């Protein structure tokens, strides 16, 4: 499965929950999704709060999946080709001094 297929699966899930409907209690705006992405990323940190290693890898995997799904949704709604954006960013990073 590629990024486009994953994005479509994510959109299908969101549609099935009714979150793209105009009267949804969870409006899928870029602002709301960016907040949700940040909240999910913070949940990743919980697995390392008191230890250098995550003991519950299944839980960590779930949180990483949440982050990735929000990222895909934001990129799709903003009409950003995330795959191309990532490749372009890597190319710029190769040329940077760190």
PDB file of N, CA and C in Angstrom:
ATOM      1  N   UNK A   1       0.851  -1.174   0.000  1.00  0.00           N
ATOM      2  CA  UNK A   1       0.000   0.000   0.000  1.00  0.00           C
ATOM      3  C   UNK A   1       0.895   1.235   0.000  1.00  0.00           C
ATOM      4  N   UNK A   2       0.524   2.235  -0.778  1.00  0.00           N
ATOM      5  CA  UNK A   2       1.328   3.458  -0.822  1.00  0.00           C
ATOM      6  C   UNK A   2       0.622   4.595  -0.075  1.00  0.00           C
ATOM      7  N   UNK A   3       1.256   5.758  -0.068  1.00  0.00           N
ATOM      8  CA  UNK A   3       0.729   6.900   0.690  1.00  0.00           C
ATOM      9  C   UNK A   3      -0.645   7.315   0.182  1.00  0.00           C
ATOM     10  N   UNK A   4      -0.846   7.289  -1.109  1.00  0.00           N
ATOM     11  CA  UNK A   4      -2.151   7.691  -1.660  1.00  0.00           C
ATOM     12  C   UNK A   4      -3.258   6.737  -1.199  1.00  0.00           C
ATOM     13  N   UNK A   5      -2.955   5.448  -1.194  1.00  0.00           N
ATOM     14  CA  UNK A   5      -3.954   4.467  -0.740  1.00  0.00           C
ATOM     15  C   UNK A   5      -4.225   4.629   0.760  1.00  0.00           C
ATOM     16  N   UNK A   6      -3.182   4.861   1.545  1.00  0.00           N
ATOM     17  CA  UNK A   6      -3.382   5.098   2.975  1.00  0.00           C
ATOM     18  C   UNK A   6      -4.237   6.338   3.213  1.00  0.00           C
ATOM     19  N   UNK A   7      -3.975   7.368   2.426  1.00  0.00           N
ATOM     20  CA  UNK A   7      -4.756   8.606   2.554  1.00  0.00           C
ATOM     21  C   UNK A   7      -6.220   8.342   2.236  1.00  0.00           C
ATOM     22  N   UNK A   8      -6.488   7.568   1.201  1.00  0.00           N
ATOM     23  CA  UNK A   8      -7.876   7.259   0.851  1.00  0.00           C
ATOM     24  C   UNK A   8      -8.549   6.433   1.944  1.00  0.00           C
ATOM     25  N   UNK A   9      -7.836   5.489   2.530  1.00  0.00           N
ATOM     26  CA  UNK A   9      -8.393   4.719   3.655  1.00  0.00           C
ATOM     27  C   UNK A   9      -8.718   5.648   4.822  1.00  0.00           C
ATOM     28  N   UNK A  10      -7.839   6.615   5.086  1.00  0.00           N
ATOM     29  CA  UNK A  10      -8.082   7.572   6.167  1.00  0.00           C
ATOM     30  C   UNK A  10      -9.337   8.384   5.863  1.00  0.00           C
ATOM     31  N   UNK A  11      -9.456   8.892   4.626  1.00  0.00           N
ATOM     32  CA  UNK A  11     -10.650   9.668   4.258  1.00  0.00           C
ATOM     33  C   UNK A  11     -11.917   8.815   4.370  1.00  0.00           C
ATOM     34  N   UNK A  12     -11.851   7.565   3.963  1.00  0.00           N
ATOM     35  CA  UNK A  12     -13.016   6.679   4.081  1.00  0.00           C
ATOM     36  C   UNK A  12     -13.443   6.533   5.531  1.00  0.00           C
ATOM     37  N   UNK A  13     -12.479   6.380   6.431  1.00  0.00           N
ATOM     38  CA  UNK A  13     -12.789   6.270   7.856  1.00  0.00           C
ATOM     39  C   UNK A  13     -13.458   7.544   8.371  1.00  0.00           C
ATOM     40  N   UNK A  14     -12.869   8.692   8.032  1.00  0.00           N
ATOM     41  CA  UNK A  14     -13.416   9.973   8.505  1.00  0.00           C
ATOM     42  C   UNK A  14     -14.826  10.183   7.957  1.00  0.00           C
ATOM     43  N   UNK A  15     -15.035   9.850   6.689  1.00  0.00           N
ATOM     44  CA  UNK A  15     -16.379   9.954   6.103  1.00  0.00           C
ATOM     45  C   UNK A  15     -17.357   9.021   6.812  1.00  0.00           C
ATOM     46  N   UNK A  16     -16.925   7.800   7.098  1.00  0.00           N
ATOM     47  CA  UNK A  16     -17.791   6.822   7.762  1.00  0.00           C
ATOM     48  C   UNK A  16     -18.226   7.305   9.134  1.00  0.00           C
ATOM     49  N   UNK A  17     -17.364   8.062   9.805  1.00  0.00           N
ATOM     50  CA  UNK A  17     -17.708   8.614  11.125  1.00  0.00           C
ATOM     51  C   UNK A  17     -18.553   9.877  11.014  1.00  0.00           C
ATOM     52  N   UNK A  18     -18.700  10.414   9.806  1.00  0.00           N
ATOM     53  CA  UNK A  18     -19.495  11.626   9.609  1.00  0.00           C
ATOM     54  C   UNK A  18     -18.758  12.903   9.960  1.00  0.00           C
ATOM     55  N   UNK A  19     -17.455  12.827  10.084  1.00  0.00           N
ATOM     56  CA  UNK A  19     -16.684  14.000  10.523  1.00  0.00           C
ATOM     57  C   UNK A  19     -16.435  15.017   9.427  1.00  0.00           C
ATOM     58  N   UNK A  20     -16.737  14.669   8.176  1.00  0.00           N
ATOM     59  CA  UNK A  20     -16.651  15.650   7.095  1.00  0.00           C
ATOM     60  C   UNK A  20     -17.991  16.352   6.882  1.00  0.00           C
ATOM     61  N   UNK A  21     -19.037  15.901   7.562  1.00  0.00           N
ATOM     62  CA  UNK A  21     -20.343  16.542   7.437  1.00  0.00           C
ATOM     63  C   UNK A  21     -20.290  17.960   8.005  1.00  0.00           C
ATOM     64  N   UNK A  22     -21.059  18.840   7.413  1.00  0.00           N
ATOM     65  CA  UNK A  22     -21.064  20.239   7.834  1.00  0.00           C
ATOM     66  C   UNK A  22     -21.457  20.464   9.277  1.00  0.00           C
ATOM     67  N   UNK A  23     -22.275  19.593   9.829  1.00  0.00           N
ATOM     68  CA  UNK A  23     -22.737  19.754  11.212  1.00  0.00           C
ATOM     69  C   UNK A  23     -21.999  18.830  12.183  1.00  0.00           C
ATOM     70  N   UNK A  24     -20.839  18.362  11.791  1.00  0.00           N
ATOM     71  CA  UNK A  24     -20.077  17.435  12.625  1.00  0.00           C
ATOM     72  C   UNK A  24     -19.609  18.114  13.916  1.00  0.00           C
ATOM     73  N   UNK A  25     -19.668  17.387  15.037  1.00  0.00           N
ATOM     74  CA  UNK A  25     -19.118  17.940  16.279  1.00  0.00           C
ATOM     75  C   UNK A  25     -17.586  17.953  16.258  1.00  0.00           C
ATOM     76  N   UNK A  26     -17.007  17.350  15.241  1.00  0.00           N
ATOM     77  CA  UNK A  26     -15.542  17.310  15.078  1.00  0.00           C
ATOM     78  C   UNK A  26     -15.178  17.851  13.687  1.00  0.00           C
ATOM     79  N   UNK A  27     -15.337  19.172  13.479  1.00  0.00           N
ATOM     80  CA  UNK A  27     -15.050  19.739  12.155  1.00  0.00           C
ATOM     81  C   UNK A  27     -13.597  19.485  11.761  1.00  0.00           C
ATOM     82  N   UNK A  28     -13.412  19.001  10.559  1.00  0.00           N
ATOM     83  CA  UNK A  28     -12.087  18.613  10.081  1.00  0.00           C
ATOM     84  C   UNK A  28     -11.405  19.791   9.379  1.00  0.00           C
ATOM     85  N   UNK A  29     -11.244  20.895  10.109  1.00  0.00           N
ATOM     86  CA  UNK A  29     -10.550  22.057   9.556  1.00  0.00           C
ATOM     87  C   UNK A  29      -9.050  21.863   9.729  1.00  0.00           C
ATOM     88  N   UNK A  30      -8.278  22.594   8.931  1.00  0.00           N
ATOM     89  CA  UNK A  30      -6.825  22.491   9.065  1.00  0.00           C
ATOM     90  C   UNK A  30      -6.375  22.855  10.474  1.00  0.00           C
ATOM     91  N   UNK A  31      -6.988  23.875  11.061  1.00  0.00           N
ATOM     92  CA  UNK A  31      -6.645  24.274  12.422  1.00  0.00           C
ATOM     93  C   UNK A  31      -6.902  23.141  13.408  1.00  0.00           C
ATOM     94  N   UNK A  32      -8.092  22.563  13.351  1.00  0.00           N
ATOM     95  CA  UNK A  32      -8.440  21.493  14.281  1.00  0.00           C
ATOM     96  C   UNK A  32      -7.548  20.274  14.081  1.00  0.00           C
ATOM     97  N   UNK A  33      -7.231  19.974  12.842  1.00  0.00           N
ATOM     98  CA  UNK A  33      -6.384  18.827  12.567  1.00  0.00           C
ATOM     99  C   UNK A  33      -4.954  19.066  13.033  1.00  0.00           C
ATOM    100  N   UNK A  34      -4.460  20.290  12.884  1.00  0.00           N
ATOM    101  CA  UNK A  34      -3.116  20.615  13.366  1.00  0.00           C
ATOM    102  C   UNK A  34      -3.045  20.473  14.886  1.00  0.00           C
ATOM    103  N   UNK A  35      -4.092  20.900  15.570  1.00  0.00           N
ATOM    104  CA  UNK A  35      -4.154  20.730  17.027  1.00  0.00           C
ATOM    105  C   UNK A  35      -4.157  19.245  17.374  1.00  0.00           C
ATOM    106  N   UNK A  36      -4.975  18.483  16.670  1.00  0.00           N
ATOM    107  CA  UNK A  36      -5.054  17.043  16.927  1.00  0.00           C
ATOM    108  C   UNK A  36      -3.726  16.354  16.668  1.00  0.00           C
ATOM    109  N   UNK A  37      -3.035  16.763  15.608  1.00  0.00           N
ATOM    110  CA  UNK A  37      -1.719  16.202  15.315  1.00  0.00           C
ATOM    111  C   UNK A  37      -0.763  16.453  16.474  1.00  0.00           C
ATOM    112  N   UNK A  38      -0.765  17.659  16.985  1.00  0.00           N
ATOM    113  CA  UNK A  38       0.111  18.005  18.105  1.00  0.00           C
ATOM    114  C   UNK A  38      -0.248  17.216  19.360  1.00  0.00           C
ATOM    115  N   UNK A  39      -1.514  17.056  19.626  1.00  0.00           N
ATOM    116  CA  UNK A  39      -1.941  16.284  20.795  1.00  0.00           C
ATOM    117  C   UNK A  39      -1.507  14.825  20.675  1.00  0.00           C
ATOM    118  N   UNK A  40      -1.664  14.255  19.500  1.00  0.00           N
ATOM    119  CA  UNK A  40      -1.238  12.866  19.302  1.00  0.00           C
ATOM    120  C   UNK A  40       0.277  12.731  19.410  1.00  0.00           C
ATOM    121  N   UNK A  41       1.013  13.712  18.894  1.00  0.00           N
ATOM    122  CA  UNK A  41       2.479  13.677  19.019  1.00  0.00           C
ATOM    123  C   UNK A  41       2.887  13.737  20.484  1.00  0.00           C
ATOM    124  N   UNK A  42       2.155  14.507  21.281  1.00  0.00           N
ATOM    125  CA  UNK A  42       2.437  14.568  22.717  1.00  0.00           C
ATOM    126  C   UNK A  42       2.179  13.217  23.378  1.00  0.00           C
ATOM    127  N   UNK A  43       1.192  12.475  22.888  1.00  0.00           N
ATOM    128  CA  UNK A  43       0.918  11.152  23.446  1.00  0.00           C
ATOM    129  C   UNK A  43       2.068  10.186  23.163  1.00  0.00           C
ATOM    130  N   UNK A  44       2.786  10.397  22.061  1.00  0.00           N
ATOM    131  CA  UNK A  44       3.986   9.592  21.796  1.00  0.00           C
ATOM    132  C   UNK A  44       4.997   9.810  22.919  1.00  0.00           C
ATOM    133  N   UNK A  45       5.134  11.041  23.367  1.00  0.00           N
ATOM    134  CA  UNK A  45       6.090  11.361  24.433  1.00  0.00           C
ATOM    135  C   UNK A  45       5.787  10.640  25.743  1.00  0.00           C
ATOM    136  N   UNK A  46       4.514  10.348  25.986  1.00  0.00           N
ATOM    137  CA  UNK A  46       4.154   9.661  27.226  1.00  0.00           C
ATOM    138  C   UNK A  46       4.869   8.324  27.369  1.00  0.00           C
ATOM    139  N   UNK A  47       5.185   7.691  26.248  1.00  0.00           N
ATOM    140  CA  UNK A  47       5.848   6.390  26.312  1.00  0.00           C
ATOM    141  C   UNK A  47       7.314   6.501  26.742  1.00  0.00           C
ATOM    142  N   UNK A  48       7.835   7.720  26.751  1.00  0.00           N
ATOM    143  CA  UNK A  48       9.229   7.945  27.136  1.00  0.00           C
ATOM    144  C   UNK A  48       9.347   8.875  28.342  1.00  0.00           C
ATOM    145  N   UNK A  49       8.213   9.160  28.991  1.00  0.00           N
ATOM    146  CA  UNK A  49       8.197  10.151  30.060  1.00  0.00           C
ATOM    147  C   UNK A  49       9.139   9.794  31.204  1.00  0.00           C
ATOM    148  N   UNK A  50       9.199   8.552  31.591  1.00  0.00           N
ATOM    149  CA  UNK A  50      10.011   8.159  32.741  1.00  0.00           C
ATOM    150  C   UNK A  50      11.069   7.119  32.413  1.00  0.00           C
ATOM    151  N   UNK A  51      11.258   6.863  31.117  1.00  0.00           N
ATOM    152  CA  UNK A  51      12.205   5.828  30.721  1.00  0.00           C
ATOM    153  C   UNK A  51      12.740   6.157  29.337  1.00  0.00           C
ATOM    154  N   UNK A  52      13.934   5.684  29.043  1.00  0.00           N
ATOM    155  CA  UNK A  52      14.527   5.911  27.735  1.00  0.00           C
ATOM    156  C   UNK A  52      13.971   4.976  26.673  1.00  0.00           C
ATOM    157  N   UNK A  53      13.345   3.901  27.083  1.00  0.00           N
ATOM    158  CA  UNK A  53      12.790   2.916  26.159  1.00  0.00           C
ATOM    159  C   UNK A  53      11.281   2.790  26.380  1.00  0.00           C
ATOM    160  N   UNK A  54      10.551   2.662  25.283  1.00  0.00           N
ATOM    161  CA  UNK A  54       9.114   2.419  25.384  1.00  0.00           C
ATOM    162  C   UNK A  54       8.896   0.940  25.681  1.00  0.00           C
ATOM    163  N   UNK A  55       8.185   0.667  26.758  1.00  0.00           N
ATOM    164  CA  UNK A  55       7.918  -0.730  27.123  1.00  0.00           C
ATOM    165  C   UNK A  55       6.738  -1.304  26.352  1.00  0.00           C
ATOM    166  N   UNK A  56       5.753  -0.465  26.060  1.00  0.00           N
ATOM    167  CA  UNK A  56       4.556  -0.916  25.353  1.00  0.00           C
ATOM    168  C   UNK A  56       4.660  -0.515  23.883  1.00  0.00           C
ATOM    169  N   UNK A  57       5.290  -1.351  23.086  1.00  0.00           N
ATOM    170  CA  UNK A  57       5.485  -1.019  21.671  1.00  0.00           C
ATOM    171  C   UNK A  57       4.184  -1.006  20.888  1.00  0.00           C
ATOM    172  N   UNK A  58       3.204  -1.798  21.294  1.00  0.00           N
ATOM    173  CA  UNK A  58       1.901  -1.774  20.619  1.00  0.00           C
ATOM    174  C   UNK A  58       1.210  -0.435  20.836  1.00  0.00           C
ATOM    175  N   UNK A  59       1.263   0.065  22.050  1.00  0.00           N
ATOM    176  CA  UNK A  59       0.677   1.372  22.342  1.00  0.00           C
ATOM    177  C   UNK A  59       1.402   2.479  21.595  1.00  0.00           C
ATOM    178  N   UNK A  60       2.727   2.403  21.576  1.00  0.00           N
ATOM    179  CA  UNK A  60       3.527   3.386  20.842  1.00  0.00           C
ATOM    180  C   UNK A  60       3.170   3.334  19.354  1.00  0.00           C
ATOM    181  N   UNK A  61       3.032   2.149  18.810  1.00  0.00           N
ATOM    182  CA  UNK A  61       2.659   1.998  17.394  1.00  0.00           C
ATOM    183  C   UNK A  61       1.311   2.658  17.117  1.00  0.00           C
ATOM    184  N   UNK A  62       0.358   2.487  18.021  1.00  0.00           N
ATOM    185  CA  UNK A  62      -0.951   3.120  17.852  1.00  0.00           C
ATOM    186  C   UNK A  62      -0.829   4.639  17.791  1.00  0.00           C
ATOM    187  N   UNK A  63      -0.032   5.210  18.683  1.00  0.00           N
ATOM    188  CA  UNK A  63       0.128   6.664  18.720  1.00  0.00           C
ATOM    189  C   UNK A  63       0.859   7.159  17.476  1.00  0.00           C
ATOM    190  N   UNK A  64       1.884   6.433  17.036  1.00  0.00           N
ATOM    191  CA  UNK A  64       2.583   6.820  15.811  1.00  0.00           C
ATOM    192  C   UNK A  64       1.642   6.752  14.613  1.00  0.00           C
ATOM    193  N   UNK A  65       0.768   5.755  14.588  1.00  0.00           N
ATOM    194  CA  UNK A  65      -0.222   5.651  13.509  1.00  0.00           C
ATOM    195  C   UNK A  65      -1.179   6.837  13.545  1.00  0.00           C
ATOM    196  N   UNK A  66      -1.617   7.241  14.736  1.00  0.00           N
ATOM    197  CA  UNK A  66      -2.488   8.417  14.855  1.00  0.00           C
ATOM    198  C   UNK A  66      -1.803   9.653  14.284  1.00  0.00           C
ATOM    199  N   UNK A  67      -0.528   9.843  14.631  1.00  0.00           N
ATOM    200  CA  UNK A  67       0.234  10.989  14.119  1.00  0.00           C
ATOM    201  C   UNK A  67       0.294  10.934  12.589  1.00  0.00           C
ATOM    202  N   UNK A  68       0.629   9.773  12.055  1.00  0.00           N
ATOM    203  CA  UNK A  68       0.754   9.627  10.607  1.00  0.00           C
ATOM    204  C   UNK A  68      -0.578   9.876   9.904  1.00  0.00           C
ATOM    205  N   UNK A  69      -1.667   9.380  10.469  1.00  0.00           N
ATOM    206  CA  UNK A  69      -2.979   9.579   9.856  1.00  0.00           C
ATOM    207  C   UNK A  69      -3.379  11.051   9.841  1.00  0.00           C
ATOM    208  N   UNK A  70      -3.149  11.760  10.943  1.00  0.00           N
ATOM    209  CA  UNK A  70      -3.442  13.196  10.955  1.00  0.00           C
ATOM    210  C   UNK A  70      -2.565  13.933   9.954  1.00  0.00           C
ATOM    211  N   UNK A  71      -1.298  13.552   9.848  1.00  0.00           N
ATOM    212  CA  UNK A  71      -0.396  14.181   8.891  1.00  0.00           C
ATOM    213  C   UNK A  71      -0.903  13.984   7.460  1.00  0.00           C
ATOM    214  N   UNK A  72      -1.308  12.766   7.140  1.00  0.00           N
ATOM    215  CA  UNK A  72      -1.847  12.495   5.813  1.00  0.00           C
ATOM    216  C   UNK A  72      -3.107  13.311   5.543  1.00  0.00           C
ATOM    217  N   UNK A  73      -3.962  13.415   6.541  1.00  0.00           N
ATOM    218  CA  UNK A  73      -5.218  14.151   6.366  1.00  0.00           C
ATOM    219  C   UNK A  73      -4.947  15.634   6.156  1.00  0.00           C
ATOM    220  N   UNK A  74      -4.063  16.210   6.964  1.00  0.00           N
ATOM    221  CA  UNK A  74      -3.726  17.624   6.816  1.00  0.00           C
ATOM    222  C   UNK A  74      -3.156  17.888   5.427  1.00  0.00           C
ATOM    223  N   UNK A  75      -2.206  17.072   5.012  1.00  0.00           N
ATOM    224  CA  UNK A  75      -1.592  17.259   3.697  1.00  0.00           C
ATOM    225  C   UNK A  75      -2.637  17.158   2.595  1.00  0.00           C
ATOM    226  N   UNK A  76      -3.519  16.190   2.685  1.00  0.00           N
ATOM    227  CA  UNK A  76      -4.527  15.991   1.657  1.00  0.00           C
ATOM    228  C   UNK A  76      -5.484  17.178   1.586  1.00  0.00           C
ATOM    229  N   UNK A  77      -5.974  17.604   2.722  1.00  0.00           N
ATOM    230  CA  UNK A  77      -6.920  18.723   2.746  1.00  0.00           C
ATOM    231  C   UNK A  77      -6.255  20.018   2.276  1.00  0.00           C
ATOM    232  N   UNK A  78      -4.980  20.195   2.611  1.00  0.00           N
ATOM    233  CA  UNK A  78      -4.243  21.385   2.183  1.00  0.00           C
ATOM    234  C   UNK A  78      -3.742  21.263   0.738  1.00  0.00           C
ATOM    235  N   UNK A  79      -4.037  20.126   0.104  1.00  0.00           N
ATOM    236  CA  UNK A  79      -3.624  19.851  -1.269  1.00  0.00           C
ATOM    237  C   UNK A  79      -2.102  19.897  -1.419  1.00  0.00           C
ATOM    238  N   UNK A  80      -1.428  19.281  -0.447  1.00  0.00           N
ATOM    239  CA  UNK A  80       0.026  19.142  -0.475  1.00  0.00           C
ATOM    240  C   UNK A  80       0.343  17.684  -0.775  1.00  0.00           C
ATOM    241  N   UNK A  81       1.169  17.472  -1.760  1.00  0.00           N
ATOM    242  CA  UNK A  81       1.650  16.123  -2.063  1.00  0.00           C
ATOM    243  C   UNK A  81       2.731  15.816  -1.031  1.00  0.00           C
ATOM    244  N   UNK A  82       2.364  15.138   0.042  1.00  0.00           N
ATOM    245  CA  UNK A  82       3.276  14.923   1.163  1.00  0.00           C
ATOM    246  C   UNK A  82       4.494  14.108   0.743  1.00  0.00           C
ATOM    247  N   UNK A  83       4.303  13.191  -0.169  1.00  0.00           N
ATOM    248  CA  UNK A  83       5.427  12.393  -0.637  1.00  0.00           C
ATOM    249  C   UNK A  83       6.466  13.287  -1.321  1.00  0.00           C
ATOM    250  N   UNK A  84       6.017  14.154  -2.212  1.00  0.00           N
ATOM    251  CA  UNK A  84       6.925  15.082  -2.892  1.00  0.00           C
ATOM    252  C   UNK A  84       7.516  16.097  -1.915  1.00  0.00           C
ATOM    253  N   UNK A  85       6.703  16.564  -0.968  1.00  0.00           N
ATOM    254  CA  UNK A  85       7.203  17.515   0.027  1.00  0.00           C
ATOM    255  C   UNK A  85       8.320  16.901   0.864  1.00  0.00           C
ATOM    256  N   UNK A  86       8.148  15.642   1.238  1.00  0.00           N
ATOM    257  CA  UNK A  86       9.162  14.958   2.037  1.00  0.00           C
ATOM    258  C   UNK A  86      10.444  14.749   1.238  1.00  0.00           C
ATOM    259  N   UNK A  87      10.308  14.361  -0.010  1.00  0.00           N
ATOM    260  CA  UNK A  87      11.486  14.167  -0.848  1.00  0.00           C
ATOM    261  C   UNK A  87      12.225  15.490  -1.080  1.00  0.00           C
ATOM    262  N   UNK A  88      11.465  16.560  -1.320  1.00  0.00           N
ATOM    263  CA  UNK A  88      12.084  17.876  -1.516  1.00  0.00           C
ATOM    264  C   UNK A  88      12.791  18.344  -0.249  1.00  0.00           C
ATOM    265  N   UNK A  89      12.179  18.098   0.896  1.00  0.00           N
ATOM    266  CA  UNK A  89      12.788  18.498   2.167  1.00  0.00           C
ATOM    267  C   UNK A  89      14.071  17.713   2.413  1.00  0.00           C
ATOM    268  N   UNK A  90      14.057  16.418   2.138  1.00  0.00           N
ATOM    269  CA  UNK A  90      15.273  15.620   2.282  1.00  0.00           C
ATOM    270  C   UNK A  90      16.378  16.159   1.380  1.00  0.00           C
ATOM    271  N   UNK A  91      16.033  16.516   0.159  1.00  0.00           N
ATOM    272  CA  UNK A  91      17.014  17.074  -0.772  1.00  0.00           C
ATOM    273  C   UNK A  91      17.618  18.366  -0.224  1.00  0.00           C
ATOM    274  N   UNK A  92      16.769  19.257   0.311  1.00  0.00           N
ATOM    275  CA  UNK A  92      17.282  20.497   0.923  1.00  0.00           C
ATOM    276  C   UNK A  92      18.143  20.186   2.135  1.00  0.00           C
ATOM    277  N   UNK A  93      17.734  19.194   2.935  1.00  0.00           N
ATOM    278  CA  UNK A  93      18.493  18.855   4.132  1.00  0.00           C
ATOM    279  C   UNK A  93      19.881  18.312   3.796  1.00  0.00           C
ATOM    280  N   UNK A  94      20.006  17.589   2.699  1.00  0.00           N
ATOM    281  CA  UNK A  94      21.334  17.085   2.293  1.00  0.00           C
ATOM    282  C   UNK A  94      22.308  18.234   2.057  1.00  0.00           C
ATOM    283  N   UNK A  95      21.794  19.375   1.647  1.00  0.00           N
ATOM    284  CA  UNK A  95      22.637  20.520   1.316  1.00  0.00           C
ATOM    285  C   UNK A  95      22.896  21.435   2.512  1.00  0.00           C
ATOM    286  N   UNK A  96      22.246  21.186   3.627  1.00  0.00           N
ATOM    287  CA  UNK A  96      22.390  22.036   4.820  1.00  0.00           C
ATOM    288  C   UNK A  96      23.606  21.655   5.624  1.00  0.00           C
ATOM    289  N   UNK A  97      24.131  22.634   6.311  1.00  0.00           N
ATOM    290  CA  UNK A  97      25.171  22.380   7.317  1.00  0.00           C
ATOM    291  C   UNK A  97      24.480  22.264   8.659  1.00  0.00           C
ATOM    292  N   UNK A  98      24.815  21.234   9.395  1.00  0.00           N
ATOM    293  CA  UNK A  98      24.174  21.012  10.688  1.00  0.00           C
ATOM    294  C   UNK A  98      25.138  21.329  11.800  1.00  0.00           C
TER     295      UNK A  98
END
